[in-house]
mmCIF file of all heavy atoms, coordinates in Angstrom:
data_MODEL
# 
_entry.id   MODEL 
# 
loop_
_atom_site.group_PDB 
_atom_site.id 
_atom_site.type_symbol 
_atom_site.label_atom_id 
_atom_site.label_alt_id 
_atom_site.label_comp_id 
_atom_site.label_asym_id 
_atom_site.label_entity_id 
_atom_site.label_seq_id 
_atom_site.pdbx_PDB_ins_code 
_atom_site.Cartn_x 
_atom_site.Cartn_y 
_atom_site.Cartn_z 
_atom_site.occupancy 
_atom_site.B_iso_or_equiv 
_atom_site.pdbx_formal_charge 
_atom_site.auth_seq_id 
_atom_site.auth_comp_id 
_atom_site.auth_asym_id 
_atom_site.auth_atom_id 
_atom_site.pdbx_PDB_model_num 
ATOM 1   N N   . SER A 1 1  ? -5.530 3.772  12.633  1.00 0.00 ? 1  SER A N   1 
ATOM 2   C CA  . SER A 1 1  ? -5.423 3.249  13.905  1.00 0.00 ? 1  SER A CA  1 
ATOM 3   C C   . SER A 1 1  ? -6.370 3.773  14.891  1.00 0.00 ? 1  SER A C   1 
ATOM 4   O O   . SER A 1 1  ? -7.024 4.784  14.591  1.00 0.00 ? 1  SER A O   1 
ATOM 5   C CB  . SER A 1 1  ? -3.912 3.365  14.472  1.00 0.00 ? 1  SER A CB  1 
ATOM 6   O OG  . SER A 1 1  ? -3.641 4.757  14.670  1.00 0.00 ? 1  SER A OG  1 
ATOM 7   N N   . VAL A 1 2  ? -6.432 3.090  16.073  1.00 0.00 ? 2  VAL A N   1 
ATOM 8   C CA  . VAL A 1 2  ? -7.249 3.668  17.206  1.00 0.00 ? 2  VAL A CA  1 
ATOM 9   C C   . VAL A 1 2  ? -6.273 4.241  18.221  1.00 0.00 ? 2  VAL A C   1 
ATOM 10  O O   . VAL A 1 2  ? -5.463 3.655  18.697  1.00 0.00 ? 2  VAL A O   1 
ATOM 11  C CB  . VAL A 1 2  ? -8.035 2.544  17.800  1.00 0.00 ? 2  VAL A CB  1 
ATOM 12  C CG1 . VAL A 1 2  ? -8.924 3.032  18.961  1.00 0.00 ? 2  VAL A CG1 1 
ATOM 13  C CG2 . VAL A 1 2  ? -8.919 1.821  16.687  1.00 0.00 ? 2  VAL A CG2 1 
ATOM 14  N N   . PHE A 1 3  ? -6.570 5.580  18.516  1.00 0.00 ? 3  PHE A N   1 
ATOM 15  C CA  . PHE A 1 3  ? -5.756 6.181  19.478  1.00 0.00 ? 3  PHE A CA  1 
ATOM 16  C C   . PHE A 1 3  ? -5.573 5.534  20.845  1.00 0.00 ? 3  PHE A C   1 
ATOM 17  O O   . PHE A 1 3  ? -6.648 5.063  21.358  1.00 0.00 ? 3  PHE A O   1 
ATOM 18  C CB  . PHE A 1 3  ? -6.324 7.614  19.697  1.00 0.00 ? 3  PHE A CB  1 
ATOM 19  C CG  . PHE A 1 3  ? -5.287 8.478  20.585  1.00 0.00 ? 3  PHE A CG  1 
ATOM 20  C CD1 . PHE A 1 3  ? -4.130 9.159  20.000  1.00 0.00 ? 3  PHE A CD1 1 
ATOM 21  C CD2 . PHE A 1 3  ? -5.434 8.567  21.901  1.00 0.00 ? 3  PHE A CD2 1 
ATOM 22  C CE1 . PHE A 1 3  ? -3.261 9.887  20.763  1.00 0.00 ? 3  PHE A CE1 1 
ATOM 23  C CE2 . PHE A 1 3  ? -4.617 9.317  22.678  1.00 0.00 ? 3  PHE A CE2 1 
ATOM 24  C CZ  . PHE A 1 3  ? -3.610 9.979  22.208  1.00 0.00 ? 3  PHE A CZ  1 
ATOM 25  N N   . GLY A 1 4  ? -4.409 5.376  21.284  1.00 0.00 ? 4  GLY A N   1 
ATOM 26  C CA  . GLY A 1 4  ? -4.175 4.759  22.587  1.00 0.00 ? 4  GLY A CA  1 
ATOM 27  C C   . GLY A 1 4  ? -4.115 3.269  22.617  1.00 0.00 ? 4  GLY A C   1 
ATOM 28  O O   . GLY A 1 4  ? -4.052 2.565  23.650  1.00 0.00 ? 4  GLY A O   1 
ATOM 29  N N   . THR A 1 5  ? -4.266 2.690  21.390  1.00 0.00 ? 5  THR A N   1 
ATOM 30  C CA  . THR A 1 5  ? -4.191 1.147  21.277  1.00 0.00 ? 5  THR A CA  1 
ATOM 31  C C   . THR A 1 5  ? -3.152 0.730  20.258  1.00 0.00 ? 5  THR A C   1 
ATOM 32  O O   . THR A 1 5  ? -2.761 1.580  19.356  1.00 0.00 ? 5  THR A O   1 
ATOM 33  C CB  . THR A 1 5  ? -5.467 0.605  20.916  1.00 0.00 ? 5  THR A CB  1 
ATOM 34  O OG1 . THR A 1 5  ? -5.748 0.725  19.509  1.00 0.00 ? 5  THR A OG1 1 
ATOM 35  C CG2 . THR A 1 5  ? -6.649 1.180  21.754  1.00 0.00 ? 5  THR A CG2 1 
ATOM 36  N N   . PRO A 1 6  ? -2.691 -0.434 20.142  1.00 0.00 ? 6  PRO A N   1 
ATOM 37  C CA  . PRO A 1 6  ? -1.930 -0.941 19.100  1.00 0.00 ? 6  PRO A CA  1 
ATOM 38  C C   . PRO A 1 6  ? -2.612 -1.391 17.782  1.00 0.00 ? 6  PRO A C   1 
ATOM 39  O O   . PRO A 1 6  ? -2.062 -1.834 16.794  1.00 0.00 ? 6  PRO A O   1 
ATOM 40  C CB  . PRO A 1 6  ? -1.179 -2.152 19.693  1.00 0.00 ? 6  PRO A CB  1 
ATOM 41  C CG  . PRO A 1 6  ? -2.145 -2.792 20.572  1.00 0.00 ? 6  PRO A CG  1 
ATOM 42  C CD  . PRO A 1 6  ? -2.860 -1.493 21.262  1.00 0.00 ? 6  PRO A CD  1 
ATOM 43  N N   . LEU A 1 7  ? -3.951 -1.172 17.799  1.00 0.00 ? 7  LEU A N   1 
ATOM 44  C CA  . LEU A 1 7  ? -4.817 -1.574 16.733  1.00 0.00 ? 7  LEU A CA  1 
ATOM 45  C C   . LEU A 1 7  ? -4.582 -0.693 15.571  1.00 0.00 ? 7  LEU A C   1 
ATOM 46  O O   . LEU A 1 7  ? -4.647 0.512  15.515  1.00 0.00 ? 7  LEU A O   1 
ATOM 47  C CB  . LEU A 1 7  ? -6.352 -1.535 17.102  1.00 0.00 ? 7  LEU A CB  1 
ATOM 48  C CG  . LEU A 1 7  ? -6.670 -2.454 18.255  1.00 0.00 ? 7  LEU A CG  1 
ATOM 49  C CD1 . LEU A 1 7  ? -8.143 -2.324 18.648  1.00 0.00 ? 7  LEU A CD1 1 
ATOM 50  C CD2 . LEU A 1 7  ? -6.350 -3.840 18.125  1.00 0.00 ? 7  LEU A CD2 1 
ATOM 51  N N   . GLY A 1 8  ? -4.446 -1.312 14.408  1.00 0.00 ? 8  GLY A N   1 
ATOM 52  C CA  . GLY A 1 8  ? -4.274 -0.523 13.149  1.00 0.00 ? 8  GLY A CA  1 
ATOM 53  C C   . GLY A 1 8  ? -3.462 -1.290 12.043  1.00 0.00 ? 8  GLY A C   1 
ATOM 54  O O   . GLY A 1 8  ? -3.023 -2.422 12.242  1.00 0.00 ? 8  GLY A O   1 
ATOM 55  N N   . PHE A 1 9  ? -3.217 -0.500 10.947  1.00 0.00 ? 9  PHE A N   1 
ATOM 56  C CA  . PHE A 1 9  ? -2.479 -1.172 9.841   1.00 0.00 ? 9  PHE A CA  1 
ATOM 57  C C   . PHE A 1 9  ? -1.707 -0.063 9.109   1.00 0.00 ? 9  PHE A C   1 
ATOM 58  O O   . PHE A 1 9  ? -1.910 1.165  9.269   1.00 0.00 ? 9  PHE A O   1 
ATOM 59  C CB  . PHE A 1 9  ? -3.427 -1.870 8.836   1.00 0.00 ? 9  PHE A CB  1 
ATOM 60  C CG  . PHE A 1 9  ? -4.446 -0.964 8.131   1.00 0.00 ? 9  PHE A CG  1 
ATOM 61  C CD1 . PHE A 1 9  ? -4.070 -0.241 7.048   1.00 0.00 ? 9  PHE A CD1 1 
ATOM 62  C CD2 . PHE A 1 9  ? -5.792 -0.777 8.599   1.00 0.00 ? 9  PHE A CD2 1 
ATOM 63  C CE1 . PHE A 1 9  ? -4.951 0.574  6.347   1.00 0.00 ? 9  PHE A CE1 1 
ATOM 64  C CE2 . PHE A 1 9  ? -6.653 -0.061 7.969   1.00 0.00 ? 9  PHE A CE2 1 
ATOM 65  C CZ  . PHE A 1 9  ? -6.252 0.787  6.851   1.00 0.00 ? 9  PHE A CZ  1 
ATOM 66  N N   . GLY A 1 10 ? -0.773 -0.519 8.270   1.00 0.00 ? 10 GLY A N   1 
ATOM 67  C CA  . GLY A 1 10 ? 0.032  0.360  7.377   1.00 0.00 ? 10 GLY A CA  1 
ATOM 68  C C   . GLY A 1 10 ? -0.042 -0.065 6.002   1.00 0.00 ? 10 GLY A C   1 
ATOM 69  O O   . GLY A 1 10 ? 0.118  -1.355 5.762   1.00 0.00 ? 10 GLY A O   1 
ATOM 70  N N   . ILE A 1 11 ? -0.253 0.664  5.050   1.00 0.00 ? 11 ILE A N   1 
ATOM 71  C CA  . ILE A 1 11 ? -0.233 0.380  3.595   1.00 0.00 ? 11 ILE A CA  1 
ATOM 72  C C   . ILE A 1 11 ? 0.648  1.504  2.947   1.00 0.00 ? 11 ILE A C   1 
ATOM 73  O O   . ILE A 1 11 ? 0.781  2.546  3.515   1.00 0.00 ? 11 ILE A O   1 
ATOM 74  C CB  . ILE A 1 11 ? -1.557 0.212  2.892   1.00 0.00 ? 11 ILE A CB  1 
ATOM 75  C CG1 . ILE A 1 11 ? -2.376 1.413  3.189   1.00 0.00 ? 11 ILE A CG1 1 
ATOM 76  C CG2 . ILE A 1 11 ? -2.355 -1.002 3.576   1.00 0.00 ? 11 ILE A CG2 1 
ATOM 77  C CD1 . ILE A 1 11 ? -3.839 1.454  2.574   1.00 0.00 ? 11 ILE A CD1 1 
ATOM 78  N N   . GLN A 1 12 ? 1.153  1.135  1.815   1.00 0.00 ? 12 GLN A N   1 
ATOM 79  C CA  . GLN A 1 12 ? 1.882  2.148  0.994   1.00 0.00 ? 12 GLN A CA  1 
ATOM 80  C C   . GLN A 1 12 ? 1.594  2.176  -0.519  1.00 0.00 ? 12 GLN A C   1 
ATOM 81  O O   . GLN A 1 12 ? 1.308  1.227  -1.031  1.00 0.00 ? 12 GLN A O   1 
ATOM 82  C CB  . GLN A 1 12 ? 3.518  1.763  1.165   1.00 0.00 ? 12 GLN A CB  1 
ATOM 83  C CG  . GLN A 1 12 ? 4.362  2.846  0.694   1.00 0.00 ? 12 GLN A CG  1 
ATOM 84  C CD  . GLN A 1 12 ? 5.855  2.603  0.964   1.00 0.00 ? 12 GLN A CD  1 
ATOM 85  O OE1 . GLN A 1 12 ? 6.229  1.412  0.933   1.00 0.00 ? 12 GLN A OE1 1 
ATOM 86  N NE2 . GLN A 1 12 ? 6.528  3.590  1.201   1.00 0.00 ? 12 GLN A NE2 1 
ATOM 87  N N   . VAL A 1 13 ? 1.737  3.390  -0.957  1.00 0.00 ? 13 VAL A N   1 
ATOM 88  C CA  . VAL A 1 13 ? 1.467  3.557  -2.469  1.00 0.00 ? 13 VAL A CA  1 
ATOM 89  C C   . VAL A 1 13 ? 2.875  3.369  -3.109  1.00 0.00 ? 13 VAL A C   1 
ATOM 90  O O   . VAL A 1 13 ? 3.793  3.849  -2.799  1.00 0.00 ? 13 VAL A O   1 
ATOM 91  C CB  . VAL A 1 13 ? 1.059  5.021  -2.781  1.00 0.00 ? 13 VAL A CB  1 
ATOM 92  C CG1 . VAL A 1 13 ? 0.970  5.186  -4.325  1.00 0.00 ? 13 VAL A CG1 1 
ATOM 93  C CG2 . VAL A 1 13 ? -0.162 5.310  -2.063  1.00 0.00 ? 13 VAL A CG2 1 
ATOM 94  N N   . GLN A 1 14 ? 2.937  2.342  -4.102  1.00 0.00 ? 14 GLN A N   1 
ATOM 95  C CA  . GLN A 1 14 ? 4.099  1.936  -4.777  1.00 0.00 ? 14 GLN A CA  1 
ATOM 96  C C   . GLN A 1 14 ? 3.855  1.804  -6.224  1.00 0.00 ? 14 GLN A C   1 
ATOM 97  O O   . GLN A 1 14 ? 2.715  1.489  -6.560  1.00 0.00 ? 14 GLN A O   1 
ATOM 98  C CB  . GLN A 1 14 ? 4.773  0.691  -4.202  1.00 0.00 ? 14 GLN A CB  1 
ATOM 99  C CG  . GLN A 1 14 ? 5.294  0.891  -2.706  1.00 0.00 ? 14 GLN A CG  1 
ATOM 100 C CD  . GLN A 1 14 ? 6.211  -0.318 -2.444  1.00 0.00 ? 14 GLN A CD  1 
ATOM 101 O OE1 . GLN A 1 14 ? 6.384  -1.282 -3.246  1.00 0.00 ? 14 GLN A OE1 1 
ATOM 102 N NE2 . GLN A 1 14 ? 6.665  -0.382 -1.216  1.00 0.00 ? 14 GLN A NE2 1 
ATOM 103 N N   . SER A 1 15 ? 4.864  2.043  -6.936  1.00 0.00 ? 15 SER A N   1 
ATOM 104 C CA  . SER A 1 15 ? 4.792  1.762  -8.435  1.00 0.00 ? 15 SER A CA  1 
ATOM 105 C C   . SER A 1 15 ? 5.087  0.207  -8.646  1.00 0.00 ? 15 SER A C   1 
ATOM 106 O O   . SER A 1 15 ? 6.146  -0.265 -8.324  1.00 0.00 ? 15 SER A O   1 
ATOM 107 C CB  . SER A 1 15 ? 5.903  2.582  -9.197  1.00 0.00 ? 15 SER A CB  1 
ATOM 108 O OG  . SER A 1 15 ? 5.733  2.265  -10.627 1.00 0.00 ? 15 SER A OG  1 
ATOM 109 N N   . VAL A 1 16 ? 4.075  -0.408 -9.189  1.00 0.00 ? 16 VAL A N   1 
ATOM 110 C CA  . VAL A 1 16 ? 4.134  -1.956 -9.346  1.00 0.00 ? 16 VAL A CA  1 
ATOM 111 C C   . VAL A 1 16 ? 4.224  -2.225 -10.803 1.00 0.00 ? 16 VAL A C   1 
ATOM 112 O O   . VAL A 1 16 ? 3.414  -1.740 -11.633 1.00 0.00 ? 16 VAL A O   1 
ATOM 113 C CB  . VAL A 1 16 ? 2.803  -2.499 -8.666  1.00 0.00 ? 16 VAL A CB  1 
ATOM 114 C CG1 . VAL A 1 16 ? 2.874  -4.053 -8.993  1.00 0.00 ? 16 VAL A CG1 1 
ATOM 115 C CG2 . VAL A 1 16 ? 2.805  -2.211 -7.284  1.00 0.00 ? 16 VAL A CG2 1 
ATOM 116 N N   . LEU A 1 17 ? 4.987  -3.214 -11.134 1.00 0.00 ? 17 LEU A N   1 
ATOM 117 C CA  . LEU A 1 17 ? 5.127  -3.757 -12.499 1.00 0.00 ? 17 LEU A CA  1 
ATOM 118 C C   . LEU A 1 17 ? 3.827  -4.659 -12.857 1.00 0.00 ? 17 LEU A C   1 
ATOM 119 O O   . LEU A 1 17 ? 3.689  -5.582 -12.174 1.00 0.00 ? 17 LEU A O   1 
ATOM 120 C CB  . LEU A 1 17 ? 6.422  -4.462 -12.730 1.00 0.00 ? 17 LEU A CB  1 
ATOM 121 C CG  . LEU A 1 17 ? 6.728  -5.095 -14.188 1.00 0.00 ? 17 LEU A CG  1 
ATOM 122 C CD1 . LEU A 1 17 ? 6.825  -3.850 -15.164 1.00 0.00 ? 17 LEU A CD1 1 
ATOM 123 C CD2 . LEU A 1 17 ? 7.906  -5.900 -14.173 1.00 0.00 ? 17 LEU A CD2 1 
ATOM 124 N N   . MET A 1 18 ? 3.200  -4.213 -13.880 1.00 0.00 ? 18 MET A N   1 
ATOM 125 C CA  . MET A 1 18 ? 1.894  -4.955 -14.297 1.00 0.00 ? 18 MET A CA  1 
ATOM 126 C C   . MET A 1 18 ? 2.238  -6.095 -15.266 1.00 0.00 ? 18 MET A C   1 
ATOM 127 O O   . MET A 1 18 ? 3.331  -6.204 -15.795 1.00 0.00 ? 18 MET A O   1 
ATOM 128 C CB  . MET A 1 18 ? 0.910  -4.001 -14.798 1.00 0.00 ? 18 MET A CB  1 
ATOM 129 C CG  . MET A 1 18 ? 0.645  -2.738 -13.931 1.00 0.00 ? 18 MET A CG  1 
ATOM 130 S SD  . MET A 1 18 ? 0.310  -3.128 -12.267 1.00 0.00 ? 18 MET A SD  1 
ATOM 131 C CE  . MET A 1 18 ? -1.385 -3.952 -12.427 1.00 0.00 ? 18 MET A CE  1 
ATOM 132 N N   . ASP A 1 19 ? 1.229  -6.870 -15.560 1.00 0.00 ? 19 ASP A N   1 
ATOM 133 C CA  . ASP A 1 19 ? 1.441  -7.970 -16.505 1.00 0.00 ? 19 ASP A CA  1 
ATOM 134 C C   . ASP A 1 19 ? 1.758  -7.550 -17.906 1.00 0.00 ? 19 ASP A C   1 
ATOM 135 O O   . ASP A 1 19 ? 2.448  -8.185 -18.622 1.00 0.00 ? 19 ASP A O   1 
ATOM 136 C CB  . ASP A 1 19 ? 0.199  -8.785 -16.638 1.00 0.00 ? 19 ASP A CB  1 
ATOM 137 C CG  . ASP A 1 19 ? -0.078 -9.578 -15.305 1.00 0.00 ? 19 ASP A CG  1 
ATOM 138 O OD1 . ASP A 1 19 ? 0.850  -9.736 -14.500 1.00 0.00 ? 19 ASP A OD1 1 
ATOM 139 O OD2 . ASP A 1 19 ? -1.305 -9.863 -15.039 1.00 0.00 ? 19 ASP A OD2 1 
ATOM 140 N N   . ASP A 1 20 ? 1.326  -6.319 -18.254 1.00 0.00 ? 20 ASP A N   1 
ATOM 141 C CA  . ASP A 1 20 ? 1.698  -5.825 -19.664 1.00 0.00 ? 20 ASP A CA  1 
ATOM 142 C C   . ASP A 1 20 ? 2.874  -5.035 -19.655 1.00 0.00 ? 20 ASP A C   1 
ATOM 143 O O   . ASP A 1 20 ? 3.291  -4.231 -20.519 1.00 0.00 ? 20 ASP A O   1 
ATOM 144 C CB  . ASP A 1 20 ? 0.531  -5.010 -20.217 1.00 0.00 ? 20 ASP A CB  1 
ATOM 145 C CG  . ASP A 1 20 ? 0.199  -3.784 -19.380 1.00 0.00 ? 20 ASP A CG  1 
ATOM 146 O OD1 . ASP A 1 20 ? 0.876  -3.590 -18.264 1.00 0.00 ? 20 ASP A OD1 1 
ATOM 147 O OD2 . ASP A 1 20 ? -0.678 -3.072 -19.742 1.00 0.00 ? 20 ASP A OD2 1 
ATOM 148 N N   . SER A 1 21 ? 3.824  -5.226 -18.493 1.00 0.00 ? 21 SER A N   1 
ATOM 149 C CA  . SER A 1 21 ? 5.151  -4.603 -18.441 1.00 0.00 ? 21 SER A CA  1 
ATOM 150 C C   . SER A 1 21 ? 5.189  -3.031 -18.251 1.00 0.00 ? 21 SER A C   1 
ATOM 151 O O   . SER A 1 21 ? 6.234  -2.483 -18.487 1.00 0.00 ? 21 SER A O   1 
ATOM 152 C CB  . SER A 1 21 ? 5.946  -4.954 -19.723 1.00 0.00 ? 21 SER A CB  1 
ATOM 153 O OG  . SER A 1 21 ? 6.207  -6.248 -19.849 1.00 0.00 ? 21 SER A OG  1 
ATOM 154 N N   . HIS A 1 22 ? 4.055  -2.525 -17.976 1.00 0.00 ? 22 HIS A N   1 
ATOM 155 C CA  . HIS A 1 22 ? 4.033  -1.089 -17.491 1.00 0.00 ? 22 HIS A CA  1 
ATOM 156 C C   . HIS A 1 22 ? 3.888  -0.961 -16.033 1.00 0.00 ? 22 HIS A C   1 
ATOM 157 O O   . HIS A 1 22 ? 3.432  -1.854 -15.362 1.00 0.00 ? 22 HIS A O   1 
ATOM 158 C CB  . HIS A 1 22 ? 2.995  -0.176 -18.308 1.00 0.00 ? 22 HIS A CB  1 
ATOM 159 C CG  . HIS A 1 22 ? 1.667  -0.395 -17.674 1.00 0.00 ? 22 HIS A CG  1 
ATOM 160 N ND1 . HIS A 1 22 ? 0.832  -1.379 -17.875 1.00 0.00 ? 22 HIS A ND1 1 
ATOM 161 C CD2 . HIS A 1 22 ? 1.015  0.596  -16.838 1.00 0.00 ? 22 HIS A CD2 1 
ATOM 162 C CE1 . HIS A 1 22 ? -0.287 -1.125 -17.185 1.00 0.00 ? 22 HIS A CE1 1 
ATOM 163 N NE2 . HIS A 1 22 ? -0.244 0.004  -16.582 1.00 0.00 ? 22 HIS A NE2 1 
ATOM 164 N N   . HIS A 1 23 ? 4.262  0.203  -15.519 1.00 0.00 ? 23 HIS A N   1 
ATOM 165 C CA  . HIS A 1 23 ? 4.167  0.448  -14.077 1.00 0.00 ? 23 HIS A CA  1 
ATOM 166 C C   . HIS A 1 23 ? 2.954  1.223  -13.718 1.00 0.00 ? 23 HIS A C   1 
ATOM 167 O O   . HIS A 1 23 ? 2.522  2.084  -14.490 1.00 0.00 ? 23 HIS A O   1 
ATOM 168 C CB  . HIS A 1 23 ? 5.459  1.197  -13.530 1.00 0.00 ? 23 HIS A CB  1 
ATOM 169 C CG  . HIS A 1 23 ? 6.635  0.250  -13.318 1.00 0.00 ? 23 HIS A CG  1 
ATOM 170 N ND1 . HIS A 1 23 ? 7.475  -0.007 -14.548 1.00 0.00 ? 23 HIS A ND1 1 
ATOM 171 C CD2 . HIS A 1 23 ? 7.179  -0.379 -12.277 1.00 0.00 ? 23 HIS A CD2 1 
ATOM 172 C CE1 . HIS A 1 23 ? 8.351  -0.836 -14.108 1.00 0.00 ? 23 HIS A CE1 1 
ATOM 173 N NE2 . HIS A 1 23 ? 8.260  -0.909 -12.673 1.00 0.00 ? 23 HIS A NE2 1 
ATOM 174 N N   . ALA A 1 24 ? 2.325  0.952  -12.634 1.00 0.00 ? 24 ALA A N   1 
ATOM 175 C CA  . ALA A 1 24 ? 1.079  1.622  -12.182 1.00 0.00 ? 24 ALA A CA  1 
ATOM 176 C C   . ALA A 1 24 ? 1.145  1.716  -10.690 1.00 0.00 ? 24 ALA A C   1 
ATOM 177 O O   . ALA A 1 24 ? 1.681  0.842  -10.004 1.00 0.00 ? 24 ALA A O   1 
ATOM 178 C CB  . ALA A 1 24 ? -0.100 1.023  -12.632 1.00 0.00 ? 24 ALA A CB  1 
ATOM 179 N N   . LYS A 1 25 ? 0.615  2.762  -10.132 1.00 0.00 ? 25 LYS A N   1 
ATOM 180 C CA  . LYS A 1 25 ? 0.520  2.911  -8.676  1.00 0.00 ? 25 LYS A CA  1 
ATOM 181 C C   . LYS A 1 25 ? -0.433 1.920  -8.116  1.00 0.00 ? 25 LYS A C   1 
ATOM 182 O O   . LYS A 1 25 ? -1.732 1.943  -8.563  1.00 0.00 ? 25 LYS A O   1 
ATOM 183 C CB  . LYS A 1 25 ? 0.134  4.474  -8.339  1.00 0.00 ? 25 LYS A CB  1 
ATOM 184 C CG  . LYS A 1 25 ? 1.203  5.298  -8.533  1.00 0.00 ? 25 LYS A CG  1 
ATOM 185 C CD  . LYS A 1 25 ? 0.765  6.769  -8.124  1.00 0.00 ? 25 LYS A CD  1 
ATOM 186 C CE  . LYS A 1 25 ? 1.911  7.860  -8.503  1.00 0.00 ? 25 LYS A CE  1 
ATOM 187 N NZ  . LYS A 1 25 ? 1.323  9.165  -8.163  1.00 0.00 ? 25 LYS A NZ  1 
ATOM 188 N N   . ARG A 1 26 ? -0.196 1.191  -7.078  1.00 0.00 ? 26 ARG A N   1 
ATOM 189 C CA  . ARG A 1 26 ? -0.991 0.235  -6.385  1.00 0.00 ? 26 ARG A CA  1 
ATOM 190 C C   . ARG A 1 26 ? -0.686 0.485  -4.918  1.00 0.00 ? 26 ARG A C   1 
ATOM 191 O O   . ARG A 1 26 ? 0.381  0.997  -4.540  1.00 0.00 ? 26 ARG A O   1 
ATOM 192 C CB  . ARG A 1 26 ? -0.794 -1.101 -6.827  1.00 0.00 ? 26 ARG A CB  1 
ATOM 193 C CG  . ARG A 1 26 ? -1.208 -1.369 -8.302  1.00 0.00 ? 26 ARG A CG  1 
ATOM 194 C CD  . ARG A 1 26 ? -2.675 -1.276 -8.611  1.00 0.00 ? 26 ARG A CD  1 
ATOM 195 N NE  . ARG A 1 26 ? -3.072 -1.532 -9.954  1.00 0.00 ? 26 ARG A NE  1 
ATOM 196 C CZ  . ARG A 1 26 ? -3.138 -0.713 -11.012 1.00 0.00 ? 26 ARG A CZ  1 
ATOM 197 N NH1 . ARG A 1 26 ? -2.919 0.720  -10.697 1.00 0.00 ? 26 ARG A NH1 1 
ATOM 198 N NH2 . ARG A 1 26 ? -3.458 -1.016 -12.138 1.00 0.00 ? 26 ARG A NH2 1 
# 
């Protein structure tokens, strides 16, 4: 973010189920 403003974003590291049925961090 930019200090003193509402500008910015949030993302998160999560374990996601992939097409081959294993989990990976995305």
